[in-house]
Amino acid sequence: MDESTTDTSDEPAAETESENEAEQETDAEWMDPADKPILEFLQSEDAFEPAQLDEAGLCPGNFGAYRCRELTKYGLLNNPMTGVYEVSERGEQYLDGELDPSELEPDE
């Protein structure tokens, strides 16, 4: 039984490593692996506060707020009110595979 338990624990570890490698990939040098999941989460909502990212288990709220500000700089999010973000038209295009974020420049 110990051998079967060992085999079972090895398989999830291998899957976890593959999942972690996939999560580390980004579509642009300025992006973070959390950005696409953040955008996908926001796409399912009308508008949100970064604290909801923490509640959803995507990333800590403070880090989510920072990434939202960065995504706003590159035009992938809109910031209609302080602390509230929504996916922009450009962000929708990125999620639909119609936009290469590596070609985007930040708004200063």
Protein backbone atom coordinates (compact mmCIF):
# COMPACT_ATOMS: atom_id res chain seq x y z
CA MET A 1 0.00 0.00 0.00
CA ASP A 2 2.87 2.36 0.67
CA GLU A 3 4.07 1.98 -2.92
CA SER A 4 0.64 2.83 -4.36
CA THR A 5 0.42 5.83 -2.04
CA THR A 6 3.84 6.96 -3.24
CA ASP A 7 2.83 6.52 -6.89
CA THR A 8 -0.37 8.50 -6.33
CA SER A 9 1.50 11.37 -4.67
CA ASP A 10 4.08 11.47 -7.50
CA GLU A 11 1.46 11.97 -10.20
CA PRO A 12 -0.13 15.13 -8.74
CA ALA A 13 3.34 16.57 -8.14
CA ALA A 14 4.17 16.15 -11.83
CA GLU A 15 0.88 17.77 -12.81
CA THR A 16 1.51 20.62 -10.39
CA GLU A 17 4.96 21.23 -11.90
CA SER A 18 3.46 21.40 -15.39
CA GLU A 19 0.73 23.74 -14.19
CA ASN A 20 3.31 25.97 -12.48
CA GLU A 21 5.42 26.13 -15.64
CA ALA A 22 2.38 27.12 -17.68
CA GLU A 23 1.44 29.76 -15.11
CA GLN A 24 4.89 31.34 -15.32
CA GLU A 25 4.56 32.09 -19.03
CA THR A 26 3.54 35.60 -20.03
CA ASP A 27 2.62 37.15 -23.36
CA ALA A 28 4.79 40.25 -22.88
CA GLU A 29 7.91 41.17 -20.95
CA TRP A 30 6.00 43.68 -18.78
CA MET A 31 3.29 41.18 -17.86
CA ASP A 32 3.06 38.99 -14.76
CA PRO A 33 1.75 35.40 -14.80
CA ALA A 34 -1.24 36.60 -12.73
CA ASP A 35 -2.34 39.13 -15.37
CA LYS A 36 -4.27 36.84 -17.69
CA PRO A 37 -6.21 35.18 -14.84
CA ILE A 38 -6.95 38.66 -13.46
CA LEU A 39 -8.29 39.78 -16.84
CA GLU A 40 -10.31 36.58 -17.26
CA PHE A 41 -11.83 37.07 -13.81
CA LEU A 42 -12.68 40.68 -14.58
CA GLN A 43 -14.19 39.67 -17.89
CA SER A 44 -16.74 37.61 -15.98
CA GLU A 45 -17.64 40.63 -13.82
CA ASP A 46 -18.95 44.08 -14.78
CA ALA A 47 -16.45 45.93 -12.58
CA PHE A 48 -14.55 44.93 -9.50
CA GLU A 49 -12.33 45.87 -6.63
CA PRO A 50 -8.89 44.25 -6.21
CA ALA A 51 -10.01 42.71 -2.90
CA GLN A 52 -12.23 40.37 -4.96
CA LEU A 53 -9.08 38.82 -6.49
CA ASP A 54 -8.00 37.83 -3.00
CA GLU A 55 -11.46 36.44 -2.20
CA ALA A 56 -11.37 34.42 -5.45
CA GLY A 57 -7.94 33.01 -4.54
CA LEU A 58 -6.16 34.53 -7.56
CA CYS A 59 -3.66 36.72 -5.70
CA PRO A 60 -3.39 38.94 -2.61
CA GLY A 61 -5.49 42.10 -2.83
CA ASN A 62 -2.53 44.51 -2.68
CA PHE A 63 -0.74 42.68 -5.48
CA GLY A 64 -3.99 42.59 -7.48
CA ALA A 65 -4.38 46.35 -7.07
CA TYR A 66 -0.81 46.88 -8.31
CA ARG A 67 -1.33 44.61 -11.33
CA CYS A 68 -4.62 46.37 -12.14
CA ARG A 69 -2.80 49.71 -12.18
CA GLU A 70 -0.19 48.22 -14.53
CA LEU A 71 -2.84 46.69 -16.80
CA THR A 72 -4.56 50.09 -16.87
CA LYS A 73 -1.29 51.77 -17.92
CA TYR A 74 -1.15 49.45 -20.93
CA GLY A 75 -4.82 49.98 -21.77
CA LEU A 76 -6.08 46.49 -20.94
CA LEU A 77 -8.25 47.76 -18.07
CA ASN A 78 -10.35 50.86 -17.49
CA ASN A 79 -10.48 52.54 -14.09
CA PRO A 80 -13.88 54.29 -14.02
CA MET A 81 -13.68 55.06 -10.27
CA THR A 82 -10.99 54.89 -7.63
CA GLY A 83 -10.39 51.22 -6.78
CA VAL A 84 -12.78 49.89 -9.44
CA TYR A 85 -11.56 48.26 -12.66
CA GLU A 86 -13.15 46.75 -15.75
CA VAL A 87 -11.77 45.09 -18.87
CA SER A 88 -11.32 47.59 -21.70
CA GLU A 89 -11.97 46.96 -25.37
CA ARG A 90 -8.23 46.42 -25.80
CA GLY A 91 -8.32 43.93 -22.91
CA GLU A 92 -11.17 42.06 -24.61
CA GLN A 93 -9.12 41.92 -27.80
CA TYR A 94 -6.17 40.48 -25.88
CA LEU A 95 -8.32 37.79 -24.26
CA ASP A 96 -9.81 36.93 -27.66
CA GLY A 97 -6.27 36.47 -29.07
CA GLU A 98 -6.62 39.50 -31.36
CA LEU A 99 -3.98 41.69 -29.67
CA ASP A 100 -0.30 41.11 -28.90
CA PRO A 101 0.45 42.82 -25.56
CA SER A 102 4.18 42.85 -26.28
CA GLU A 103 3.47 45.63 -28.81
CA LEU A 104 1.74 47.87 -26.23
CA GLU A 105 3.43 50.91 -24.72
CA PRO A 106 2.52 52.24 -21.27
CA ASP A 107 0.61 55.50 -20.88
CA GLU A 108 2.71 57.77 -18.70
